[in-house]
Amino acid sequence: MKLPKEMQKMEKNKPRRPQAVKKRGEGQQFGSRQMRRKMQQQGIDMDQVDAKRVIIECSEKTLVIEQPEVVLMKQMGQEIYQVIGEAVEYSPDELSISEKEKIGDLEPLEEIELKPSITENDIMLVAAQANIDIKEAESVLRENNGDIAKAILFFKNKP
């Protein structure tokens, strides 16, 4: 039902109630659903990292962030860490003995050698491009640490 013009004007000018703003709770995931979907479309994978403390050591100072919110974003094989929190800045002389002990007690993480995973699709691709059998393609892929382009070029340049 359409209102008369005078009432329509009154309806438009009617004061509106302010909408409640949702506050971010403890259980809510980082970022909005819409943002996560867009990032997923672009090939960016996001994960929350449960961190207690982040320490950034510079040549002239050390930054310590207690209770940070850390988000790990993976895109095209690279990792991006986003750290959110309030940093406390220390000069090397300023660090108290207890802080040095806390920082010094942290053991460096072991370096793990990552081996590339060679899938059947990779082997089939190399075999098809180089016109060779699957076993040869697999052995050359392993020699080249899973690098498909190097494996194909190896067979193309082979006399």
N, C-alpha and C. Protein backbone atom coordinates (compact mmCIF):
# COMPACT_ATOMS: atom_id res chain seq x y z
N MET A 1 0.84 -1.16 0.00
CA MET A 1 0.00 0.00 0.00
C MET A 1 0.90 1.24 0.00
N LYS A 2 0.56 2.15 -0.88
CA LYS A 2 1.34 3.36 -1.02
C LYS A 2 0.76 4.46 -0.14
N LEU A 3 1.69 5.14 0.56
CA LEU A 3 1.27 6.23 1.45
C LEU A 3 1.17 7.53 0.66
N PRO A 4 0.34 8.47 1.15
CA PRO A 4 0.29 9.79 0.51
C PRO A 4 1.66 10.46 0.62
N LYS A 5 1.95 11.39 -0.31
CA LYS A 5 3.25 12.04 -0.39
C LYS A 5 3.66 12.70 0.91
N GLU A 6 2.75 13.31 1.60
CA GLU A 6 3.08 13.97 2.87
C GLU A 6 3.57 12.96 3.90
N MET A 7 2.92 11.80 3.93
CA MET A 7 3.32 10.78 4.89
C MET A 7 4.64 10.11 4.48
N GLN A 8 4.86 10.02 3.15
CA GLN A 8 6.12 9.45 2.68
C GLN A 8 7.30 10.30 3.14
N LYS A 9 7.14 11.62 3.05
CA LYS A 9 8.20 12.52 3.49
C LYS A 9 8.45 12.37 4.99
N MET A 10 7.36 12.23 5.74
CA MET A 10 7.49 12.06 7.19
C MET A 10 8.21 10.75 7.51
N GLU A 11 7.92 9.70 6.73
CA GLU A 11 8.52 8.39 6.95
C GLU A 11 10.03 8.45 6.69
N LYS A 12 10.43 9.18 5.65
CA LYS A 12 11.86 9.31 5.31
C LYS A 12 12.61 10.09 6.38
N ASN A 13 11.98 11.10 6.93
CA ASN A 13 12.64 11.95 7.91
C ASN A 13 12.59 11.40 9.32
N LYS A 14 11.95 10.29 9.48
CA LYS A 14 11.80 9.68 10.80
C LYS A 14 13.18 9.29 11.34
N PRO A 15 13.48 9.66 12.58
CA PRO A 15 14.79 9.30 13.12
C PRO A 15 14.93 7.79 13.23
N ARG A 16 16.11 7.31 12.91
CA ARG A 16 16.36 5.87 12.97
C ARG A 16 17.15 5.53 14.21
N ARG A 17 16.90 4.36 14.72
CA ARG A 17 17.64 3.89 15.89
C ARG A 17 19.03 3.47 15.48
N PRO A 18 20.01 3.77 16.28
CA PRO A 18 21.36 3.29 15.94
C PRO A 18 21.42 1.77 16.07
N GLN A 19 22.10 1.15 15.14
CA GLN A 19 22.24 -0.30 15.15
C GLN A 19 23.34 -0.72 16.11
N ALA A 20 23.12 -1.84 16.77
CA ALA A 20 24.11 -2.35 17.71
C ALA A 20 25.33 -2.85 16.93
N VAL A 21 26.50 -2.53 17.44
CA VAL A 21 27.74 -2.97 16.82
C VAL A 21 28.19 -4.25 17.50
N LYS A 22 28.46 -5.27 16.68
CA LYS A 22 28.90 -6.53 17.26
C LYS A 22 30.34 -6.39 17.73
N LYS A 23 30.58 -6.79 18.95
CA LYS A 23 31.94 -6.75 19.48
C LYS A 23 32.59 -8.09 19.22
N ARG A 24 33.88 -8.06 19.02
CA ARG A 24 34.62 -9.26 18.73
C ARG A 24 34.80 -10.07 20.00
N GLY A 25 34.29 -11.27 20.00
CA GLY A 25 34.36 -12.11 21.20
C GLY A 25 35.57 -13.01 21.18
N GLU A 26 35.76 -13.73 22.25
CA GLU A 26 36.90 -14.65 22.39
C GLU A 26 36.83 -15.76 21.37
N GLY A 27 35.62 -16.30 21.13
CA GLY A 27 35.49 -17.47 20.27
C GLY A 27 35.45 -17.15 18.79
N GLN A 28 35.34 -15.87 18.43
CA GLN A 28 35.21 -15.52 17.03
C GLN A 28 36.54 -15.68 16.30
N GLN A 29 36.47 -16.22 15.12
CA GLN A 29 37.67 -16.38 14.29
C GLN A 29 38.15 -15.01 13.83
N PHE A 30 39.41 -14.96 13.39
CA PHE A 30 39.98 -13.74 12.89
C PHE A 30 39.37 -13.39 11.54
N GLY A 31 39.17 -12.12 11.29
CA GLY A 31 38.67 -11.66 10.00
C GLY A 31 37.21 -12.00 9.76
N SER A 32 36.65 -11.35 8.79
CA SER A 32 35.26 -11.61 8.47
C SER A 32 35.17 -12.77 7.47
N ARG A 33 34.02 -13.34 7.37
CA ARG A 33 33.80 -14.47 6.46
C ARG A 33 34.05 -14.02 5.01
N GLN A 34 33.59 -12.83 4.70
CA GLN A 34 33.74 -12.30 3.35
C GLN A 34 35.22 -12.14 3.00
N MET A 35 36.02 -11.62 3.94
CA MET A 35 37.44 -11.43 3.70
C MET A 35 38.13 -12.78 3.50
N ARG A 36 37.77 -13.77 4.35
CA ARG A 36 38.38 -15.10 4.23
C ARG A 36 38.06 -15.73 2.89
N ARG A 37 36.82 -15.56 2.41
CA ARG A 37 36.43 -16.12 1.12
C ARG A 37 37.23 -15.48 -0.02
N LYS A 38 37.37 -14.16 0.01
CA LYS A 38 38.13 -13.46 -1.04
C LYS A 38 39.58 -13.92 -1.04
N MET A 39 40.17 -14.06 0.14
CA MET A 39 41.56 -14.49 0.24
C MET A 39 41.70 -15.93 -0.25
N GLN A 40 40.72 -16.76 0.03
CA GLN A 40 40.76 -18.15 -0.41
C GLN A 40 40.68 -18.21 -1.94
N GLN A 41 39.88 -17.34 -2.55
CA GLN A 41 39.78 -17.29 -4.01
C GLN A 41 41.12 -16.90 -4.63
N GLN A 42 41.90 -16.08 -3.94
CA GLN A 42 43.19 -15.65 -4.45
C GLN A 42 44.31 -16.62 -4.10
N GLY A 43 43.97 -17.71 -3.44
CA GLY A 43 44.97 -18.71 -3.12
C GLY A 43 45.74 -18.42 -1.84
N ILE A 44 45.17 -17.62 -0.96
CA ILE A 44 45.81 -17.29 0.31
C ILE A 44 45.14 -18.11 1.40
N ASP A 45 45.94 -18.87 2.14
CA ASP A 45 45.43 -19.69 3.23
C ASP A 45 45.81 -19.04 4.55
N MET A 46 44.83 -18.85 5.44
CA MET A 46 45.08 -18.19 6.71
C MET A 46 44.88 -19.15 7.87
N ASP A 47 45.78 -19.10 8.84
CA ASP A 47 45.67 -19.90 10.05
C ASP A 47 46.02 -19.04 11.25
N GLN A 48 45.35 -19.28 12.36
CA GLN A 48 45.66 -18.59 13.62
C GLN A 48 46.78 -19.37 14.30
N VAL A 49 47.80 -18.66 14.78
CA VAL A 49 48.91 -19.28 15.50
C VAL A 49 48.75 -18.96 16.98
N ASP A 50 48.78 -20.00 17.82
CA ASP A 50 48.62 -19.81 19.26
C ASP A 50 49.99 -19.46 19.83
N ALA A 51 50.27 -18.18 19.98
CA ALA A 51 51.58 -17.73 20.46
C ALA A 51 51.43 -17.06 21.82
N LYS A 52 52.43 -17.28 22.69
CA LYS A 52 52.43 -16.66 24.02
C LYS A 52 53.24 -15.37 24.01
N ARG A 53 54.30 -15.36 23.21
CA ARG A 53 55.20 -14.21 23.19
C ARG A 53 55.90 -14.17 21.83
N VAL A 54 56.10 -12.96 21.31
CA VAL A 54 56.87 -12.77 20.09
C VAL A 54 58.04 -11.86 20.43
N ILE A 55 59.24 -12.30 20.05
CA ILE A 55 60.45 -11.52 20.33
C ILE A 55 61.09 -11.16 19.00
N ILE A 56 61.33 -9.87 18.80
CA ILE A 56 61.99 -9.39 17.59
C ILE A 56 63.30 -8.76 18.03
N GLU A 57 64.41 -9.37 17.62
CA GLU A 57 65.72 -8.87 18.00
C GLU A 57 66.31 -8.05 16.86
N CYS A 58 66.62 -6.81 17.15
CA CYS A 58 67.26 -5.92 16.19
C CYS A 58 68.69 -5.66 16.68
N SER A 59 69.48 -4.99 15.86
CA SER A 59 70.86 -4.72 16.27
C SER A 59 70.94 -3.74 17.44
N GLU A 60 69.98 -2.79 17.51
CA GLU A 60 70.03 -1.78 18.57
C GLU A 60 68.99 -1.96 19.68
N LYS A 61 68.00 -2.81 19.43
CA LYS A 61 66.94 -2.96 20.43
C LYS A 61 66.29 -4.34 20.29
N THR A 62 65.49 -4.68 21.28
CA THR A 62 64.73 -5.92 21.28
C THR A 62 63.28 -5.58 21.58
N LEU A 63 62.37 -6.09 20.75
CA LEU A 63 60.95 -5.86 20.95
C LEU A 63 60.33 -7.16 21.47
N VAL A 64 59.57 -7.05 22.57
CA VAL A 64 58.91 -8.21 23.15
C VAL A 64 57.41 -7.92 23.15
N ILE A 65 56.64 -8.81 22.51
CA ILE A 65 55.19 -8.65 22.44
C ILE A 65 54.57 -9.80 23.23
N GLU A 66 53.94 -9.46 24.36
CA GLU A 66 53.28 -10.46 25.21
C GLU A 66 51.85 -10.64 24.73
N GLN A 67 51.33 -11.84 24.79
CA GLN A 67 49.97 -12.19 24.40
C GLN A 67 49.60 -11.63 23.01
N PRO A 68 50.39 -11.95 21.98
CA PRO A 68 50.08 -11.41 20.65
C PRO A 68 49.00 -12.22 19.95
N GLU A 69 48.41 -11.62 18.96
CA GLU A 69 47.51 -12.33 18.06
C GLU A 69 48.31 -12.50 16.77
N VAL A 70 48.62 -13.75 16.43
CA VAL A 70 49.47 -14.03 15.28
C VAL A 70 48.66 -14.78 14.23
N VAL A 71 48.69 -14.27 13.00
CA VAL A 71 48.00 -14.90 11.89
C VAL A 71 49.04 -15.29 10.84
N LEU A 72 48.99 -16.54 10.40
CA LEU A 72 49.90 -17.04 9.38
C LEU A 72 49.14 -17.09 8.07
N MET A 73 49.68 -16.39 7.06
CA MET A 73 49.08 -16.40 5.73
C MET A 73 50.06 -17.08 4.77
N LYS A 74 49.57 -18.07 4.05
CA LYS A 74 50.41 -18.78 3.09
C LYS A 74 49.91 -18.46 1.69
N GLN A 75 50.84 -17.99 0.86
CA GLN A 75 50.49 -17.67 -0.52
C GLN A 75 51.66 -18.00 -1.42
N MET A 76 51.41 -18.84 -2.41
CA MET A 76 52.41 -19.22 -3.40
C MET A 76 53.70 -19.71 -2.76
N GLY A 77 53.59 -20.53 -1.74
CA GLY A 77 54.77 -21.10 -1.11
C GLY A 77 55.47 -20.21 -0.11
N GLN A 78 54.99 -19.00 0.09
CA GLN A 78 55.61 -18.09 1.05
C GLN A 78 54.71 -17.95 2.26
N GLU A 79 55.33 -17.74 3.41
CA GLU A 79 54.59 -17.57 4.65
C GLU A 79 54.72 -16.13 5.12
N ILE A 80 53.59 -15.54 5.48
CA ILE A 80 53.56 -14.17 6.00
C ILE A 80 52.96 -14.24 7.40
N TYR A 81 53.68 -13.71 8.38
CA TYR A 81 53.19 -13.68 9.74
C TYR A 81 52.73 -12.27 10.07
N GLN A 82 51.50 -12.15 10.52
CA GLN A 82 50.97 -10.86 10.94
C GLN A 82 50.86 -10.91 12.46
N VAL A 83 51.57 -10.01 13.12
CA VAL A 83 51.61 -9.99 14.58
C VAL A 83 50.87 -8.74 15.06
N ILE A 84 49.88 -8.95 15.93
CA ILE A 84 49.11 -7.84 16.47
C ILE A 84 49.26 -7.85 17.98
N GLY A 85 49.67 -6.74 18.54
CA GLY A 85 49.84 -6.65 19.98
C GLY A 85 50.69 -5.44 20.32
N GLU A 86 50.83 -5.21 21.61
CA GLU A 86 51.59 -4.06 22.07
C GLU A 86 53.02 -4.49 22.41
N ALA A 87 53.97 -3.85 21.76
CA ALA A 87 55.37 -4.22 21.94
C ALA A 87 56.02 -3.38 23.04
N VAL A 88 56.87 -4.03 23.80
CA VAL A 88 57.68 -3.34 24.79
C VAL A 88 59.10 -3.33 24.25
N GLU A 89 59.68 -2.13 24.18
CA GLU A 89 61.00 -1.99 23.58
C GLU A 89 62.07 -2.00 24.66
N TYR A 90 63.10 -2.80 24.44
CA TYR A 90 64.23 -2.88 25.36
C TYR A 90 65.51 -2.60 24.60
N SER A 91 66.43 -1.87 25.24
CA SER A 91 67.77 -1.75 24.67
C SER A 91 68.56 -2.94 25.21
N PRO A 92 69.66 -3.33 24.59
CA PRO A 92 70.41 -4.49 25.07
C PRO A 92 70.84 -4.35 26.53
N ASP A 93 71.18 -3.14 26.97
CA ASP A 93 71.61 -2.92 28.36
C ASP A 93 70.42 -2.94 29.32
N GLU A 94 69.25 -2.60 28.80
CA GLU A 94 68.07 -2.41 29.61
C GLU A 94 67.40 -3.72 30.02
N LEU A 95 67.62 -4.78 29.28
CA LEU A 95 66.96 -6.05 29.59
C LEU A 95 67.37 -6.52 30.97
N SER A 96 66.37 -6.80 31.77
CA SER A 96 66.66 -7.28 33.12
C SER A 96 67.16 -8.72 33.04
N ILE A 97 67.77 -9.18 34.12
CA ILE A 97 68.31 -10.54 34.15
C ILE A 97 67.19 -11.56 33.96
N SER A 98 66.04 -11.31 34.58
CA SER A 98 64.94 -12.25 34.44
C SER A 98 64.44 -12.32 33.00
N GLU A 99 64.38 -11.16 32.33
CA GLU A 99 63.96 -11.15 30.93
C GLU A 99 64.97 -11.88 30.06
N LYS A 100 66.26 -11.67 30.32
CA LYS A 100 67.29 -12.36 29.55
C LYS A 100 67.18 -13.86 29.75
N GLU A 101 66.90 -14.26 31.00
CA GLU A 101 66.74 -15.69 31.27
C GLU A 101 65.54 -16.25 30.53
N LYS A 102 64.43 -15.50 30.54
CA LYS A 102 63.23 -15.96 29.83
C LYS A 102 63.51 -16.11 28.35
N ILE A 103 64.16 -15.10 27.78
CA ILE A 103 64.47 -15.13 26.36
C ILE A 103 65.53 -16.19 26.08
N GLY A 104 66.53 -16.28 26.95
CA GLY A 104 67.61 -17.25 26.76
C GLY A 104 67.16 -18.68 26.91
N ASP A 105 66.11 -18.92 27.70
CA ASP A 105 65.61 -20.27 27.90
C ASP A 105 64.93 -20.83 26.66
N LEU A 106 64.53 -19.96 25.78
CA LEU A 106 63.86 -20.43 24.58
C LEU A 106 64.87 -21.14 23.68
N GLU A 107 64.56 -22.36 23.35
CA GLU A 107 65.46 -23.13 22.49
C GLU A 107 65.08 -22.88 21.04
N PRO A 108 66.08 -22.75 20.17
CA PRO A 108 65.75 -22.55 18.76
C PRO A 108 65.09 -23.81 18.21
N LEU A 109 64.18 -23.60 17.31
CA LEU A 109 63.49 -24.73 16.70
C LEU A 109 64.45 -25.49 15.79
N GLU A 110 64.27 -26.78 15.73
CA GLU A 110 65.10 -27.59 14.86
C GLU A 110 64.75 -27.29 13.41
N GLU A 111 65.77 -27.27 12.57
CA GLU A 111 65.51 -27.07 11.16
C GLU A 111 65.19 -28.41 10.55
N ILE A 112 64.09 -28.47 9.87
CA ILE A 112 63.64 -29.70 9.25
C ILE A 112 63.83 -29.56 7.75
N GLU A 113 64.49 -30.55 7.18
CA GLU A 113 64.70 -30.52 5.74
C GLU A 113 63.42 -31.00 5.07
N LEU A 114 62.82 -30.13 4.27
CA LEU A 114 61.59 -30.46 3.59
C LEU A 114 61.91 -31.13 2.26
N LYS A 115 61.33 -32.28 2.05
CA LYS A 115 61.52 -32.98 0.79
C LYS A 115 60.28 -32.72 -0.05
N PRO A 116 60.48 -32.38 -1.31
CA PRO A 116 59.32 -32.11 -2.15
C PRO A 116 58.52 -33.39 -2.39
N SER A 117 57.23 -33.24 -2.44
CA SER A 117 56.39 -34.40 -2.71
C SER A 117 56.22 -34.52 -4.21
N ILE A 118 56.47 -35.69 -4.72
CA ILE A 118 56.33 -35.94 -6.15
C ILE A 118 55.06 -36.74 -6.35
N THR A 119 54.12 -36.15 -7.05
CA THR A 119 52.83 -36.81 -7.26
C THR A 119 52.84 -37.57 -8.58
N GLU A 120 51.84 -38.42 -8.73
CA GLU A 120 51.71 -39.18 -9.96
C GLU A 120 51.48 -38.26 -11.15
N ASN A 121 50.76 -37.16 -10.91
CA ASN A 121 50.52 -36.20 -11.99
C ASN A 121 51.83 -35.59 -12.48
N ASP A 122 52.75 -35.30 -11.56
CA ASP A 122 54.06 -34.75 -11.96
C ASP A 122 54.81 -35.76 -12.83
N ILE A 123 54.79 -37.02 -12.41
CA ILE A 123 55.50 -38.07 -13.15
C ILE A 123 54.89 -38.23 -14.53
N MET A 124 53.56 -38.25 -14.59
CA MET A 124 52.86 -38.40 -15.88
C MET A 124 53.16 -37.23 -16.80
N LEU A 125 53.23 -36.03 -16.25
CA LEU A 125 53.52 -34.84 -17.05
C LEU A 125 54.91 -34.92 -17.66
N VAL A 126 55.89 -35.27 -16.84
CA VAL A 126 57.27 -35.37 -17.34
C VAL A 126 57.36 -36.48 -18.38
N ALA A 127 56.72 -37.61 -18.12
CA ALA A 127 56.77 -38.74 -19.07
C ALA A 127 56.13 -38.34 -20.41
N ALA A 128 55.01 -37.64 -20.36
CA ALA A 128 54.33 -37.24 -21.60
C ALA A 128 55.12 -36.19 -22.37
N GLN A 129 55.69 -35.23 -21.67
CA GLN A 129 56.42 -34.15 -22.34
C GLN A 129 57.75 -34.63 -22.94
N ALA A 130 58.38 -35.58 -22.27
CA ALA A 130 59.69 -36.05 -22.73
C ALA A 130 59.61 -37.35 -23.53
N ASN A 131 58.41 -37.89 -23.69
CA ASN A 131 58.20 -39.14 -24.42
C ASN A 131 59.06 -40.28 -23.87
N ILE A 132 58.97 -40.51 -22.58
CA ILE A 132 59.72 -41.58 -21.92
C ILE A 132 58.77 -42.38 -21.04
N ASP A 133 59.29 -43.49 -20.48
CA ASP A 133 58.40 -44.27 -19.61
C ASP A 133 58.36 -43.66 -18.21
N ILE A 134 57.39 -44.11 -17.43
CA ILE A 134 57.09 -43.53 -16.12
C ILE A 134 58.24 -43.73 -15.13
N LYS A 135 58.90 -44.88 -15.17
CA LYS A 135 59.99 -45.16 -14.22
C LYS A 135 61.16 -44.20 -14.41
N GLU A 136 61.50 -43.95 -15.68
CA GLU A 136 62.59 -43.00 -15.96
C GLU A 136 62.21 -41.60 -15.48
N ALA A 137 60.98 -41.21 -15.77
CA ALA A 137 60.51 -39.88 -15.36
C ALA A 137 60.58 -39.72 -13.85
N GLU A 138 60.17 -40.76 -13.13
CA GLU A 138 60.19 -40.69 -11.66
C GLU A 138 61.61 -40.57 -11.12
N SER A 139 62.55 -41.34 -11.68
CA SER A 139 63.93 -41.29 -11.19
C SER A 139 64.56 -39.93 -11.44
N VAL A 140 64.30 -39.35 -12.62
CA VAL A 140 64.87 -38.03 -12.92
C VAL A 140 64.22 -36.95 -12.06
N LEU A 141 62.93 -37.08 -11.78
CA LEU A 141 62.26 -36.12 -10.89
C LEU A 141 62.88 -36.17 -9.50
N ARG A 142 63.17 -37.35 -9.02
CA ARG A 142 63.80 -37.48 -7.69
C ARG A 142 65.19 -36.87 -7.68
N GLU A 143 65.94 -37.05 -8.76
CA GLU A 143 67.29 -36.45 -8.85
C GLU A 143 67.22 -34.94 -8.84
N ASN A 144 66.16 -34.38 -9.45
CA ASN A 144 66.02 -32.93 -9.54
C ASN A 144 65.13 -32.36 -8.43
N ASN A 145 64.96 -33.11 -7.34
CA ASN A 145 64.19 -32.67 -6.17
C ASN A 145 62.77 -32.22 -6.52
N GLY A 146 62.14 -32.93 -7.44
CA GLY A 146 60.75 -32.65 -7.78
C GLY A 146 60.54 -31.49 -8.72
N ASP A 147 61.62 -30.94 -9.28
CA ASP A 147 61.50 -29.81 -10.21
C ASP A 147 61.12 -30.34 -11.58
N ILE A 148 59.88 -30.12 -11.98
CA ILE A 148 59.34 -30.67 -13.22
C ILE A 148 60.06 -30.08 -14.44
N ALA A 149 60.28 -28.77 -14.42
CA ALA A 149 60.91 -28.12 -15.56
C ALA A 149 62.32 -28.65 -15.79
N LYS A 150 63.09 -28.81 -14.73
CA LYS A 150 64.46 -29.33 -14.87
C LYS A 150 64.44 -30.75 -15.41
N ALA A 151 63.49 -31.55 -14.95
CA ALA A 151 63.40 -32.94 -15.41
C ALA A 151 63.08 -33.00 -16.89
N ILE A 152 62.15 -32.18 -17.35
CA ILE A 152 61.79 -32.17 -18.77
C ILE A 152 62.96 -31.68 -19.61
N LEU A 153 63.62 -30.60 -19.13
CA LEU A 153 64.77 -30.08 -19.87
C LEU A 153 65.91 -31.10 -19.92
N PHE A 154 66.07 -31.89 -18.90
CA PHE A 154 67.10 -32.92 -18.87
C PHE A 154 66.89 -33.87 -20.05
N PHE A 155 65.66 -34.30 -20.26
CA PHE A 155 65.38 -35.23 -21.36
C PHE A 155 65.40 -34.55 -22.71
N LYS A 156 64.99 -33.30 -22.79
CA LYS A 156 64.99 -32.56 -24.06
C LYS A 156 66.43 -32.31 -24.53
N ASN A 157 67.33 -32.04 -23.59
CA ASN A 157 68.72 -31.73 -23.95
C ASN A 157 69.58 -32.99 -24.07
N LYS A 158 69.03 -34.13 -23.73
CA LYS A 158 69.75 -35.40 -23.77
C LYS A 158 69.93 -35.81 -25.25
N PRO A 159 71.17 -36.13 -25.67
CA PRO A 159 71.38 -36.49 -27.10
C PRO A 159 70.76 -37.82 -27.47
